[in-house]
Amino acid sequence: MSETFFGDPGFYARRAKAYDAMLGSPTYNRVFWGTRPDQYAAFAARALGAGDGPLLEVAVGTARATALLHVAGRRSTTLVDLSAPMLEVARESIRRAAGGEVPGRITLECRDMLSPVDGRRYETILGLGLLHLVPDVGAVISGLGSQLQDHGSLHLASLIRGSARSNAYLKLLKAHGDIAGIRTAVDLYDLAVEANVGNVSVSHEGAMAYVTISR
């Protein structure tokens, strides 16, 4: 198991299809997190529109929010996750969105996001629903930042403290070992600034925060 992530790496793998359906549920996201799935897609779309060079999406999971965006785009794209079952669901989602095969400019890799192949560097790095899964946010931001090209940008999302219901659910997930930490938007801002990768901005809707770091 990579030290990048916390908890049982097989948890989401065993539940890939159920997890995919849950992420796409407006009711689930509204009730527990006070947000909407289209907000995740909108954040991802902004990341994909931030440049035209190589793009890396880390902890891609099932690509629920990004499959259509990747197919519609023209960028050279690498999708990375530690879970092979998750990546298989992502591959199928991309195939459906493309109406056939996965476009040749899109590759899927089952590996640690902090272990780039052949020293690759990317103009844009996207990680949806990522930072609540890692115990050391600063180390992950620094590690991803080292893979950025000059003038590149990071776009990372995380569950954070929100409503009483959101906070109770976060505590339950942490007690079960499904997330690494419960943080606030301010916590994420401070940790991102300390990582010293670039200029940091943080916004949030409900219990979901969006961190953008630009060089």
Protein backbone atom coordinates (compact mmCIF):
# COMPACT_ATOMS: atom_id res chain seq x y z
CA MET A 1 0.00 0.00 0.00
CA SER A 2 1.24 3.48 -0.85
CA GLU A 3 1.79 5.79 2.08
CA THR A 4 0.09 8.54 0.05
CA PHE A 5 -3.37 7.35 1.10
CA PHE A 6 -4.93 6.45 4.42
CA GLY A 7 -6.97 3.37 5.26
CA ASP A 8 -7.87 0.24 3.31
CA PRO A 9 -6.94 0.66 -0.39
CA GLY A 10 -9.47 -2.01 -1.31
CA PHE A 11 -12.45 -0.24 0.27
CA TYR A 12 -13.47 1.77 -2.79
CA ALA A 13 -12.22 -0.93 -5.17
CA ARG A 14 -14.71 -3.42 -3.74
CA ARG A 15 -17.49 -0.89 -4.12
CA ALA A 16 -16.51 0.74 -7.43
CA LYS A 17 -19.90 0.69 -9.14
CA ALA A 18 -21.85 1.60 -6.00
CA TYR A 19 -19.37 4.40 -5.30
CA ASP A 20 -19.82 5.66 -8.87
CA ALA A 21 -23.60 5.79 -8.49
CA MET A 22 -23.32 7.53 -5.11
CA LEU A 23 -21.06 10.26 -6.48
CA GLY A 24 -23.55 10.98 -9.23
CA SER A 25 -26.57 11.20 -6.92
CA PRO A 26 -27.89 14.75 -6.48
CA THR A 27 -29.79 13.68 -3.37
CA TYR A 28 -26.76 12.12 -1.67
CA ASN A 29 -24.58 15.14 -2.40
CA ARG A 30 -27.22 17.66 -1.32
CA VAL A 31 -28.18 15.86 1.90
CA PHE A 32 -24.71 14.93 3.15
CA TRP A 33 -22.42 17.56 1.64
CA GLY A 34 -24.65 20.51 0.77
CA THR A 35 -23.44 20.57 -2.81
CA ARG A 36 -24.23 19.19 -6.29
CA PRO A 37 -22.44 16.83 -8.72
CA ASP A 38 -22.45 19.50 -11.42
CA GLN A 39 -20.22 21.62 -9.18
CA TYR A 40 -17.54 18.93 -9.33
CA ALA A 41 -17.81 18.81 -13.12
CA ALA A 42 -17.66 22.61 -13.31
CA PHE A 43 -14.45 22.69 -11.25
CA ALA A 44 -12.98 19.97 -13.46
CA ALA A 45 -14.00 21.86 -16.60
CA ARG A 46 -12.17 24.95 -15.35
CA ALA A 47 -9.07 22.84 -14.79
CA LEU A 48 -9.27 21.32 -18.28
CA GLY A 49 -9.68 24.80 -19.71
CA ALA A 50 -6.64 26.16 -17.86
CA GLY A 51 -4.23 25.16 -20.64
CA ASP A 52 -3.69 23.01 -23.68
CA GLY A 53 -0.62 21.00 -22.64
CA PRO A 54 -0.38 17.61 -20.93
CA LEU A 55 -3.04 16.99 -18.28
CA LEU A 56 -2.88 14.63 -15.30
CA GLU A 57 -5.94 13.63 -13.29
CA VAL A 58 -4.99 11.85 -10.07
CA ALA A 59 -7.18 9.66 -7.85
CA VAL A 60 -9.48 9.59 -10.87
CA GLY A 61 -11.68 6.89 -9.37
CA THR A 62 -14.51 6.09 -11.78
CA ALA A 63 -14.16 9.37 -13.73
CA ARG A 64 -17.81 10.05 -12.91
CA ALA A 65 -17.43 13.83 -13.20
CA THR A 66 -14.76 13.96 -15.89
CA ALA A 67 -15.27 11.21 -18.52
CA LEU A 68 -17.27 13.41 -20.89
CA LEU A 69 -14.90 16.33 -20.37
CA HIS A 70 -11.85 14.24 -21.24
CA VAL A 71 -13.50 12.87 -24.38
CA ALA A 72 -14.63 16.33 -25.48
CA GLY A 73 -11.19 17.84 -24.89
CA ARG A 74 -8.11 17.69 -27.07
CA ARG A 75 -5.36 17.53 -24.47
CA SER A 76 -2.91 14.69 -23.96
CA THR A 77 -4.38 13.18 -20.79
CA THR A 78 -3.17 10.72 -18.16
CA LEU A 79 -5.62 9.29 -15.63
CA VAL A 80 -4.11 7.71 -12.51
CA ASP A 81 -5.57 5.70 -9.63
CA LEU A 82 -4.29 3.04 -7.23
CA SER A 83 -7.41 0.93 -7.77
CA ALA A 84 -7.58 -1.26 -10.88
CA PRO A 85 -11.35 -1.87 -10.44
CA MET A 86 -11.96 1.87 -10.24
CA LEU A 87 -9.90 2.45 -13.38
CA GLU A 88 -11.85 -0.23 -15.22
CA VAL A 89 -15.10 1.59 -14.43
CA ALA A 90 -13.45 4.83 -15.57
CA ARG A 91 -12.32 3.17 -18.81
CA GLU A 92 -15.86 2.00 -19.52
CA SER A 93 -17.25 5.46 -18.78
CA ILE A 94 -14.82 7.00 -21.25
CA ARG A 95 -15.61 4.37 -23.87
CA ARG A 96 -19.32 5.12 -23.56
CA ALA A 97 -18.73 8.85 -23.73
CA ALA A 98 -16.59 8.37 -26.85
CA GLY A 99 -19.11 6.04 -28.46
CA GLY A 100 -16.46 3.39 -29.02
CA GLU A 101 -12.85 3.14 -27.90
CA VAL A 102 -10.86 5.27 -25.49
CA PRO A 103 -9.25 8.08 -27.54
CA GLY A 104 -5.56 7.45 -28.17
CA ARG A 105 -4.52 10.66 -26.40
CA ILE A 106 -6.02 9.36 -23.11
CA THR A 107 -4.10 6.80 -21.04
CA LEU A 108 -5.09 5.16 -17.77
CA GLU A 109 -2.39 4.07 -15.30
CA CYS A 110 -2.74 2.08 -12.08
CA ARG A 111 0.01 3.57 -9.92
CA ASP A 112 0.87 5.99 -7.13
CA MET A 113 0.17 9.54 -8.23
CA LEU A 114 3.44 10.69 -6.60
CA SER A 115 5.52 8.25 -8.67
CA PRO A 116 5.57 9.76 -12.17
CA VAL A 117 6.74 7.64 -15.09
CA ASP A 118 9.96 8.79 -16.77
CA GLY A 119 9.92 12.14 -15.00
CA ARG A 120 6.84 13.33 -16.85
CA ARG A 121 5.62 16.85 -16.19
CA TYR A 122 2.17 18.29 -16.81
CA GLU A 123 0.69 21.70 -17.46
CA THR A 124 -2.41 20.92 -15.39
CA ILE A 125 -3.00 18.47 -12.54
CA LEU A 126 -6.53 17.75 -11.34
CA GLY A 127 -7.59 15.81 -8.24
CA LEU A 128 -11.31 15.68 -7.41
CA GLY A 129 -12.27 14.53 -3.93
CA LEU A 130 -8.61 13.99 -3.10
CA LEU A 131 -7.22 15.85 -0.13
CA HIS A 132 -9.49 14.34 2.55
CA LEU A 133 -7.99 10.95 1.58
CA VAL A 134 -4.38 11.88 2.39
CA PRO A 135 -2.79 12.24 5.83
CA ASP A 136 -0.16 14.78 4.73
CA VAL A 137 -1.75 17.40 2.50
CA GLY A 138 1.43 19.45 2.24
CA ALA A 139 3.50 16.49 1.05
CA VAL A 140 0.93 15.60 -1.60
CA ILE A 141 0.73 19.17 -2.87
CA SER A 142 4.53 19.39 -2.97
CA GLY A 143 4.79 16.04 -4.73
CA LEU A 144 2.23 16.98 -7.34
CA GLY A 145 3.76 20.43 -7.68
CA SER A 146 7.10 18.85 -8.60
CA GLN A 147 5.34 17.31 -11.61
CA LEU A 148 4.11 20.65 -12.91
CA GLN A 149 5.57 22.39 -15.93
CA ASP A 150 6.54 26.04 -15.59
CA HIS A 151 3.39 28.16 -15.34
CA GLY A 152 1.32 25.04 -14.61
CA SER A 153 -1.52 24.74 -12.13
CA LEU A 154 -2.97 22.34 -9.56
CA HIS A 155 -6.74 21.94 -9.10
CA LEU A 156 -7.56 19.86 -6.00
CA ALA A 157 -10.83 19.25 -4.18
CA SER A 158 -11.54 18.00 -0.67
CA LEU A 159 -14.38 17.33 1.70
CA ILE A 160 -14.25 19.76 4.62
CA ARG A 161 -16.23 20.66 7.72
CA GLY A 162 -19.68 21.96 6.89
CA SER A 163 -23.11 21.44 8.37
CA ALA A 164 -23.80 19.38 11.50
CA ARG A 165 -24.89 16.49 9.26
CA SER A 166 -21.77 16.75 7.10
CA ASN A 167 -19.53 16.84 10.15
CA ALA A 168 -21.21 13.80 11.69
CA TYR A 169 -20.78 11.85 8.46
CA LEU A 170 -17.13 12.92 8.19
CA LYS A 171 -16.52 11.66 11.74
CA LEU A 172 -18.12 8.35 10.83
CA LEU A 173 -15.98 8.00 7.70
CA LYS A 174 -12.83 8.83 9.66
CA ALA A 175 -13.72 6.35 12.40
CA HIS A 176 -14.11 3.65 9.73
CA GLY A 177 -10.74 4.57 8.21
CA ASP A 178 -12.24 5.79 4.94
CA ILE A 179 -10.77 9.29 5.09
CA ALA A 180 -7.54 10.60 6.56
CA GLY A 181 -8.56 13.88 8.10
CA ILE A 182 -11.33 16.38 8.78
CA ARG A 183 -10.23 19.88 7.87
CA THR A 184 -11.64 23.33 7.18
CA ALA A 185 -11.19 25.48 4.08
CA VAL A 186 -8.80 27.65 6.11
CA ASP A 187 -6.76 24.57 7.07
CA LEU A 188 -6.39 23.66 3.39
CA TYR A 189 -5.40 27.20 2.47
CA ASP A 190 -2.71 27.30 5.15
CA LEU A 191 -1.33 23.87 4.19
CA ALA A 192 -1.28 24.79 0.50
CA VAL A 193 0.56 28.05 1.22
CA GLU A 194 3.11 26.20 3.35
CA ALA A 195 3.78 23.80 0.46
CA ASN A 196 5.13 26.82 -1.45
CA VAL A 197 4.15 25.60 -4.92
CA GLY A 198 2.48 28.76 -6.22
CA ASN A 199 -0.33 31.23 -5.67
CA VAL A 200 -3.18 29.68 -3.72
CA SER A 201 -6.93 30.28 -3.84
CA VAL A 202 -9.62 28.29 -2.04
CA SER A 203 -13.38 28.36 -2.49
CA HIS A 204 -16.08 26.03 -1.20
CA GLU A 205 -19.71 25.05 -1.54
CA GLY A 206 -21.18 23.24 1.41
CA ALA A 207 -18.67 20.68 2.64
CA MET A 208 -16.61 20.58 -0.56
CA ALA A 209 -13.56 22.84 -0.97
CA TYR A 210 -11.75 23.66 -4.20
CA VAL A 211 -8.06 24.50 -4.08
CA THR A 212 -6.32 26.09 -7.06
CA ILE A 213 -2.56 26.70 -7.08
CA SER A 214 -0.98 28.51 -10.01
CA ARG A 215 2.67 29.06 -10.74
